Amino acid sequence: MKSWDEKKKELKSIDPMRMNELEAVAQLVNAIHQRRIELGWTQKELADKVGLHQESIARIENGGSIPRLDTVFRLAIALGMKISLHGMEEAAAASVG
């Protein structure tokens, strides 16, 4: 297991565009986690609804793995959420540059 200082060094070496992607995914995962908690669902219940293992949900929620976009959509849909790209337009326009 890597220390936090090692992890921060890795993150500093990531190009800014990739860092923006990771931050966006992290925000989505946080919203998904919060919604799961609000609904009173366990990780296992969510995993069963989307065809994943509970361990996969745990890794996603704990930042141990970065989910693919289709996985994020499946999780959000299962929780009755809509994913909005509001505010992403400016980021996309700024990065095209």
Protein backbone atom coordinates (compact mmCIF):
# COMPACT_ATOMS: atom_id res chain seq x y z
CA MET A 1 0.00 0.00 0.00
CA LYS A 2 1.31 3.40 -0.98
CA SER A 3 1.60 6.29 1.42
CA TRP A 4 -0.40 9.44 0.86
CA ASP A 5 2.81 11.34 -0.03
CA GLU A 6 3.58 8.81 -2.76
CA LYS A 7 0.03 9.07 -4.07
CA LYS A 8 0.22 12.89 -4.17
CA LYS A 9 3.46 12.70 -6.19
CA GLU A 10 1.74 10.42 -8.68
CA LEU A 11 -1.19 12.80 -8.97
CA LYS A 12 1.11 15.76 -9.58
CA SER A 13 2.58 13.92 -12.57
CA ILE A 14 -0.85 13.49 -14.23
CA ASP A 15 -1.57 15.92 -17.04
CA PRO A 16 -4.22 18.55 -16.23
CA MET A 17 -6.80 17.14 -18.64
CA ARG A 18 -6.60 13.69 -17.03
CA MET A 19 -6.78 15.31 -13.58
CA ASN A 20 -10.02 17.06 -14.61
CA GLU A 21 -11.43 13.71 -15.75
CA LEU A 22 -10.50 12.06 -12.45
CA GLU A 23 -12.05 14.92 -10.46
CA ALA A 24 -15.30 14.66 -12.46
CA VAL A 25 -15.49 10.90 -11.90
CA ALA A 26 -14.74 11.40 -8.20
CA GLN A 27 -17.63 13.88 -7.92
CA LEU A 28 -20.00 11.46 -9.65
CA VAL A 29 -18.90 8.57 -7.44
CA ASN A 30 -19.38 10.73 -4.35
CA ALA A 31 -22.92 11.62 -5.46
CA ILE A 32 -23.67 7.95 -6.14
CA HIS A 33 -22.35 6.96 -2.72
CA GLN A 34 -24.44 9.66 -1.01
CA ARG A 35 -27.58 8.57 -2.88
CA ARG A 36 -27.01 4.93 -1.91
CA ILE A 37 -26.75 5.97 1.73
CA GLU A 38 -29.86 8.17 1.47
CA LEU A 39 -31.83 5.22 0.11
CA GLY A 40 -30.53 2.97 2.88
CA TRP A 41 -29.10 0.48 0.40
CA THR A 42 -26.13 -1.69 1.15
CA GLN A 43 -23.26 -2.03 -1.29
CA LYS A 44 -24.46 -5.57 -1.95
CA GLU A 45 -27.96 -4.38 -2.85
CA LEU A 46 -26.59 -1.86 -5.33
CA ALA A 47 -24.15 -4.40 -6.74
CA ASP A 48 -26.96 -6.92 -7.29
CA LYS A 49 -29.03 -4.32 -9.15
CA VAL A 50 -26.25 -3.53 -11.62
CA GLY A 51 -24.64 -6.95 -11.92
CA LEU A 52 -21.43 -6.26 -10.02
CA HIS A 53 -19.84 -7.76 -6.95
CA GLN A 54 -20.11 -5.94 -3.61
CA GLU A 55 -16.31 -5.74 -3.55
CA SER A 56 -16.40 -3.75 -6.80
CA ILE A 57 -18.79 -1.22 -5.28
CA ALA A 58 -16.53 -0.93 -2.22
CA ARG A 59 -13.44 -0.30 -4.38
CA ILE A 60 -15.27 2.33 -6.43
CA GLU A 61 -16.62 4.13 -3.35
CA ASN A 62 -13.25 4.01 -1.56
CA GLY A 63 -11.28 5.28 -4.55
CA GLY A 64 -9.53 1.96 -5.02
CA SER A 65 -10.62 1.79 -8.65
CA ILE A 66 -11.78 4.28 -11.23
CA PRO A 67 -15.02 3.11 -12.80
CA ARG A 68 -15.68 3.23 -16.51
CA LEU A 69 -18.29 5.74 -17.63
CA ASP A 70 -20.81 3.04 -18.50
CA THR A 71 -20.47 1.66 -14.97
CA VAL A 72 -21.10 5.13 -13.50
CA PHE A 73 -24.24 5.43 -15.64
CA ARG A 74 -25.49 1.99 -14.59
CA LEU A 75 -24.98 2.83 -10.91
CA ALA A 76 -26.70 6.20 -11.24
CA ILE A 77 -29.66 4.77 -13.15
CA ALA A 78 -30.10 1.99 -10.60
CA LEU A 79 -30.28 4.65 -7.90
CA GLY A 80 -32.82 6.72 -9.84
CA MET A 81 -30.33 9.50 -10.55
CA LYS A 82 -29.76 11.66 -13.60
CA ILE A 83 -26.23 12.65 -14.51
CA SER A 84 -25.98 16.30 -15.46
CA LEU A 85 -23.09 17.80 -17.36
CA HIS A 86 -24.06 21.29 -16.21
CA GLY A 87 -20.88 23.25 -15.68
CA MET A 88 -18.84 20.81 -17.74
CA GLU A 89 -19.36 22.91 -20.90
CA GLU A 90 -17.01 25.60 -19.62
CA ALA A 91 -14.37 23.04 -18.71
CA ALA A 92 -14.67 21.40 -22.12
CA ALA A 93 -14.48 24.74 -23.93
CA ALA A 94 -11.50 25.86 -21.87
CA SER A 95 -9.57 22.68 -22.56
CA VAL A 96 -10.12 22.79 -26.34
CA GLY A 97 -8.19 25.97 -26.45
